[in-house]
Amino acid sequence: GTAVANVAECVIDECVEDCATCSKGTCSKEGQTCHDPNIASSSLSDWICTCPPPSTGTATAQAASPCVVDECKVPDNEKKCADAGQVCVDPNPTLSSRNDWECRCVVPPAIKVKSAVMTPADCEYPGECMTDPEAKKCTDAGHICDDPNTSPGSTGDWVCICTPPSTGANATASSNVMCETDECKVVCPTCAQTATSPANVCEQEGQECEDPDKTAFGDWQCKCPSPWTGTPMTGAPANCSLDECVVQNCPTCAKTTCSDKMQTCDDPNT
């Protein structure tokens, strides 16, 4: 700088000139740009190294370190993870580490925290049968809960299924399942036929089996077949009787045999 008949205003750009306090290529050697915000000769050692785009980072009178570039800030990368219901994470955002960004499963409620580099991860989630209080009522009632799609973006699609041998229409999140078990027709621990019995208890005695309440267990009854009579018995064969002198509609009954001869009829063992 020069001045006529006055004190000169001296300037020095420490990014360009060669001096004791100048950058001397410190920034350019690291691929960074140099900027001297105040070139007055009274303002020295204030030059700044700036990281190249898209990285960020600055340092005064020295190379910036580290230069940071969060690859998840790139819209396409972030969107790829978000579309899969996942989050984007750049584990090493330094400029020297590129193409290492990851899509990660959302935690919670992921069962396994998996990740995949530069692509959506294969996530495993417990599903609504484990996380939805309403779905828990299904299992608490002894039914089976099934969530066909356990991803976080799919909600309200779980169904409550009757536990075999019970049957009934599957219930959705907005309805209650009604399960029924005809204990006369299926094999179960409380049924007329169990896994260890060869046949239906009632049928083995030539009796009829009836389940009066298919939503309850252990209430099946054996009933006497017509023309036999007797009180139905719950959980066991009934005591049936047949008075062949009174009943008329059986092959072995007396019918009018005695009365036709003006005799009385007696059945000693009904």
Protein backbone atom coordinates (compact mmCIF):
# COMPACT_ATOMS: atom_id res chain seq x y z
CA GLY A 1 0.00 0.00 0.00
CA THR A 2 1.15 3.58 -0.66
CA ALA A 3 0.00 7.09 0.19
CA VAL A 4 1.08 10.61 -0.92
CA ALA A 5 1.83 13.07 1.86
CA ASN A 6 0.15 10.73 4.32
CA VAL A 7 0.64 7.50 6.20
CA ALA A 8 0.12 4.53 3.88
CA GLU A 9 -2.59 1.99 4.67
CA CYS A 10 -0.69 -1.26 4.41
CA VAL A 11 -2.53 -4.51 3.70
CA ILE A 12 -1.49 -8.11 3.37
CA ASP A 13 -3.65 -11.03 2.25
CA GLU A 14 -2.19 -13.88 4.26
CA CYS A 15 -3.79 -16.42 1.94
CA VAL A 16 -1.88 -15.03 -1.07
CA GLU A 17 1.38 -13.56 0.20
CA ASP A 18 4.43 -15.28 1.64
CA CYS A 19 5.15 -14.17 5.15
CA ALA A 20 5.84 -15.59 8.58
CA THR A 21 2.15 -15.55 9.50
CA CYS A 22 0.79 -16.46 6.04
CA SER A 23 -0.99 -19.70 5.19
CA LYS A 24 1.72 -20.84 2.74
CA GLY A 25 -0.65 -23.33 1.10
CA THR A 26 -1.78 -24.92 4.36
CA CYS A 27 -5.43 -24.91 3.26
CA SER A 28 -4.92 -25.94 -0.36
CA LYS A 29 -2.80 -28.93 0.67
CA GLU A 30 -5.93 -30.31 2.41
CA GLY A 31 -8.24 -29.45 -0.46
CA GLN A 32 -9.62 -26.51 1.49
CA THR A 33 -10.01 -22.84 0.61
CA CYS A 34 -8.25 -19.99 2.34
CA HIS A 35 -9.86 -16.68 3.25
CA ASP A 36 -8.35 -13.69 5.03
CA PRO A 37 -11.27 -11.76 6.58
CA ASN A 38 -9.12 -8.74 7.48
CA ILE A 39 -6.16 -7.92 5.26
CA ALA A 40 -4.99 -4.92 7.35
CA SER A 41 -1.31 -5.25 8.25
CA SER A 42 -2.33 -4.93 11.87
CA SER A 43 -4.51 -8.02 11.63
CA LEU A 44 -2.30 -11.04 11.24
CA SER A 45 -2.76 -14.81 11.74
CA ASP A 46 -6.49 -14.51 11.16
CA TRP A 47 -6.70 -16.39 7.86
CA ILE A 48 -9.28 -19.17 7.78
CA CYS A 49 -9.30 -22.62 6.16
CA THR A 50 -12.77 -23.70 5.02
CA CYS A 51 -13.78 -27.27 4.14
CA PRO A 52 -14.96 -27.88 0.56
CA PRO A 53 -18.70 -28.38 -0.05
CA PRO A 54 -20.74 -30.35 0.83
CA SER A 55 -18.60 -30.80 3.94
CA THR A 56 -18.53 -28.23 6.71
CA GLY A 57 -15.84 -27.03 9.06
CA THR A 58 -13.46 -24.10 9.52
CA ALA A 59 -10.27 -23.36 11.40
CA THR A 60 -8.27 -20.16 11.97
CA ALA A 61 -4.59 -20.14 11.02
CA GLN A 62 -4.58 -23.89 10.43
CA ALA A 63 -6.23 -26.57 8.33
CA ALA A 64 -9.79 -27.40 9.33
CA SER A 65 -10.07 -30.84 10.94
CA PRO A 66 -12.18 -32.73 10.56
CA CYS A 67 -14.20 -31.67 7.58
CA VAL A 68 -17.69 -33.00 8.24
CA VAL A 69 -20.25 -34.11 5.68
CA ASP A 70 -23.38 -35.83 7.00
CA GLU A 71 -24.51 -37.97 4.08
CA CYS A 72 -27.95 -38.31 5.67
CA LYS A 73 -28.51 -34.64 4.96
CA VAL A 74 -28.56 -35.54 1.27
CA PRO A 75 -32.33 -35.60 0.53
CA ASP A 76 -32.26 -38.78 -1.58
CA ASN A 77 -30.41 -40.74 1.10
CA GLU A 78 -32.67 -39.59 3.91
CA LYS A 79 -35.80 -40.28 1.83
CA LYS A 80 -34.69 -43.83 1.01
CA CYS A 81 -34.59 -44.69 4.70
CA ALA A 82 -37.72 -42.71 5.61
CA ASP A 83 -39.79 -44.47 2.92
CA ALA A 84 -38.96 -47.77 4.65
CA GLY A 85 -39.97 -46.40 8.06
CA GLN A 86 -36.33 -46.26 9.13
CA VAL A 87 -33.83 -43.60 10.16
CA CYS A 88 -30.69 -42.53 8.33
CA VAL A 89 -27.42 -42.48 10.29
CA ASP A 90 -23.95 -41.49 9.07
CA PRO A 91 -21.61 -43.29 11.51
CA ASN A 92 -18.53 -41.43 10.27
CA PRO A 93 -19.37 -37.99 8.85
CA THR A 94 -15.77 -37.04 8.07
CA LEU A 95 -14.99 -36.05 4.49
CA SER A 96 -12.58 -38.95 4.12
CA SER A 97 -15.35 -41.47 4.91
CA ARG A 98 -17.94 -41.45 2.16
CA ASN A 99 -20.74 -43.84 1.14
CA ASP A 100 -20.98 -45.32 4.62
CA TRP A 101 -24.39 -43.94 5.62
CA GLU A 102 -26.87 -46.48 6.95
CA CYS A 103 -30.60 -47.09 7.20
CA ARG A 104 -31.40 -48.32 10.69
CA CYS A 105 -34.45 -49.92 12.23
CA VAL A 106 -36.51 -47.70 14.48
CA VAL A 107 -35.78 -48.34 18.15
CA PRO A 108 -38.00 -48.98 19.98
CA PRO A 109 -39.81 -51.21 19.13
CA ALA A 110 -37.43 -53.22 16.93
CA ILE A 111 -36.64 -56.69 18.26
CA LYS A 112 -33.28 -56.69 16.51
CA VAL A 113 -31.47 -53.48 15.68
CA LYS A 114 -30.21 -54.15 12.20
CA SER A 115 -28.68 -51.77 9.70
CA ALA A 116 -27.77 -51.79 6.05
CA VAL A 117 -25.28 -49.60 4.20
CA MET A 118 -26.83 -47.28 1.63
CA THR A 119 -30.09 -49.29 1.51
CA PRO A 120 -33.08 -50.03 3.78
CA ALA A 121 -32.37 -52.56 6.53
CA ASP A 122 -34.12 -55.89 7.05
CA CYS A 123 -35.84 -55.05 10.34
CA GLU A 124 -37.63 -57.36 12.73
CA TYR A 125 -40.39 -55.94 14.92
CA PRO A 126 -42.51 -57.61 17.61
CA GLY A 127 -45.75 -56.42 16.03
CA GLU A 128 -48.96 -55.17 17.59
CA CYS A 129 -49.72 -58.49 19.27
CA MET A 130 -46.96 -57.60 21.73
CA THR A 131 -47.20 -53.81 21.80
CA ASP A 132 -50.93 -53.01 21.48
CA PRO A 133 -52.85 -53.21 24.80
CA GLU A 134 -56.04 -54.13 22.92
CA ALA A 135 -54.26 -57.01 21.18
CA LYS A 136 -52.98 -58.23 24.53
CA LYS A 137 -56.61 -58.74 25.62
CA CYS A 138 -56.84 -61.36 22.87
CA THR A 139 -54.03 -63.49 24.31
CA ASP A 140 -55.17 -62.84 27.88
CA ALA A 141 -58.49 -64.45 26.89
CA GLY A 142 -56.67 -67.58 25.74
CA HIS A 143 -56.96 -66.80 22.02
CA ILE A 144 -54.27 -66.45 19.36
CA CYS A 145 -53.19 -63.02 18.13
CA ASP A 146 -51.80 -62.78 14.60
CA ASP A 147 -50.21 -59.67 13.10
CA PRO A 148 -49.71 -60.28 9.36
CA ASN A 149 -47.50 -57.21 8.96
CA THR A 150 -45.31 -56.28 11.93
CA SER A 151 -43.67 -53.21 10.40
CA PRO A 152 -44.27 -49.90 12.28
CA GLY A 153 -46.07 -48.42 9.30
CA SER A 154 -48.75 -51.13 9.35
CA THR A 155 -51.15 -50.75 12.28
CA GLY A 156 -54.62 -51.98 13.15
CA ASP A 157 -54.31 -55.13 11.02
CA TRP A 158 -53.89 -57.72 13.79
CA VAL A 159 -56.59 -60.36 14.21
CA CYS A 160 -57.71 -62.49 17.15
CA ILE A 161 -58.07 -66.19 16.29
CA CYS A 162 -59.82 -68.89 18.29
CA THR A 163 -57.46 -71.42 19.84
CA PRO A 164 -58.11 -74.94 18.46
CA PRO A 165 -60.26 -76.91 18.91
CA SER A 166 -62.47 -73.84 19.39
CA THR A 167 -63.91 -72.31 16.25
CA GLY A 168 -65.24 -68.88 15.36
CA ALA A 169 -64.80 -66.01 12.95
CA ASN A 170 -61.53 -64.14 13.32
CA ALA A 171 -61.90 -60.81 15.08
CA THR A 172 -60.16 -57.63 14.00
CA ALA A 173 -58.85 -54.82 16.17
CA SER A 174 -62.32 -53.26 16.15
CA SER A 175 -64.35 -56.33 17.14
CA ASN A 176 -64.45 -59.15 19.68
CA VAL A 177 -63.88 -62.77 18.76
CA MET A 178 -66.60 -65.25 19.72
CA CYS A 179 -65.11 -68.71 20.08
CA GLU A 180 -67.16 -71.89 20.46
CA THR A 181 -66.19 -75.48 21.26
CA ASP A 182 -68.65 -78.33 20.78
CA GLU A 183 -67.19 -80.72 23.33
CA CYS A 184 -69.28 -83.54 21.87
CA LYS A 185 -67.64 -83.31 18.45
CA VAL A 186 -63.96 -82.59 19.08
CA VAL A 187 -61.16 -84.12 21.13
CA CYS A 188 -59.87 -82.05 24.03
CA PRO A 189 -59.00 -82.47 27.74
CA THR A 190 -62.52 -81.40 28.81
CA CYS A 191 -64.39 -83.04 25.92
CA ALA A 192 -66.51 -86.21 25.86
CA GLN A 193 -63.59 -87.75 24.03
CA THR A 194 -60.05 -87.06 25.20
CA ALA A 195 -56.74 -87.97 23.64
CA THR A 196 -56.56 -91.09 25.81
CA SER A 197 -60.14 -92.35 25.30
CA PRO A 198 -61.04 -94.51 22.28
CA ALA A 199 -64.37 -92.83 21.60
CA ASN A 200 -67.00 -90.42 22.83
CA VAL A 201 -68.04 -91.41 26.39
CA CYS A 202 -71.75 -91.04 25.61
CA GLU A 203 -71.60 -92.86 22.30
CA GLN A 204 -69.80 -95.78 23.93
CA GLU A 205 -72.96 -96.30 26.03
CA GLY A 206 -75.29 -95.82 23.06
CA GLN A 207 -76.35 -92.43 24.39
CA GLU A 208 -76.56 -88.99 22.85
CA CYS A 209 -74.05 -86.24 23.62
CA GLU A 210 -75.12 -82.62 23.91
CA ASP A 211 -73.11 -79.47 24.69
CA PRO A 212 -75.60 -76.89 26.07
CA ASP A 213 -73.12 -73.98 26.09
CA LYS A 214 -70.38 -74.07 23.49
CA THR A 215 -68.60 -71.08 25.04
CA ALA A 216 -68.09 -72.97 28.31
CA PHE A 217 -65.99 -76.04 29.06
CA GLY A 218 -66.76 -79.26 30.94
CA ASP A 219 -70.56 -78.90 30.65
CA TRP A 220 -71.31 -81.59 28.02
CA GLN A 221 -74.05 -84.08 28.91
CA CYS A 222 -74.96 -87.65 28.08
CA LYS A 223 -78.67 -88.04 27.31
CA CYS A 224 -80.77 -91.17 27.08
CA PRO A 225 -81.87 -92.01 23.52
CA SER A 226 -85.59 -92.43 22.87
CA PRO A 227 -87.47 -94.46 24.03
CA TRP A 228 -85.12 -94.77 27.01
CA THR A 229 -85.62 -92.25 29.79
CA GLY A 230 -83.39 -90.76 32.45
CA THR A 231 -81.93 -87.50 33.73
CA PRO A 232 -79.10 -86.13 31.54
CA MET A 233 -75.72 -86.50 33.24
CA THR A 234 -72.94 -83.90 32.98
CA GLY A 235 -69.52 -85.30 32.18
CA ALA A 236 -70.59 -88.96 32.40
CA PRO A 237 -73.07 -91.48 30.97
CA ALA A 238 -76.68 -91.08 32.14
CA ASN A 239 -78.61 -93.71 34.06
CA CYS A 240 -81.16 -94.75 31.44
CA SER A 241 -84.15 -97.03 31.89
CA LEU A 242 -86.78 -98.62 29.63
CA ASP A 243 -90.03 -100.07 31.04
CA GLU A 244 -91.02 -102.44 28.26
CA CYS A 245 -94.54 -102.66 29.69
CA VAL A 246 -95.09 -98.91 29.45
CA VAL A 247 -93.18 -97.96 26.36
CA GLN A 248 -94.87 -99.06 23.19
CA ASN A 249 -92.44 -98.10 20.45
CA CYS A 250 -89.54 -100.50 20.86
CA PRO A 251 -88.89 -103.87 19.18
CA THR A 252 -88.80 -105.75 22.50
CA CYS A 253 -91.70 -103.98 24.22
CA ALA A 254 -94.79 -105.90 25.38
CA LYS A 255 -97.12 -103.49 23.63
CA THR A 256 -100.63 -105.10 23.97
CA THR A 257 -99.44 -108.68 24.43
CA CYS A 258 -100.52 -108.86 28.10
CA SER A 259 -103.55 -106.58 27.93
CA ASP A 260 -105.01 -108.52 25.02
CA LYS A 261 -105.15 -111.57 27.33
CA MET A 262 -106.57 -109.53 30.22
CA GLN A 263 -103.24 -109.92 32.02
CA THR A 264 -100.95 -107.41 33.75
CA CYS A 265 -97.45 -106.62 32.52
CA ASP A 266 -94.43 -106.20 34.74
CA ASP A 267 -90.87 -105.41 33.72
CA PRO A 268 -88.62 -106.63 36.56
CA ASN A 269 -85.49 -104.94 35.20
CA THR A 270 -85.89 -101.61 33.45
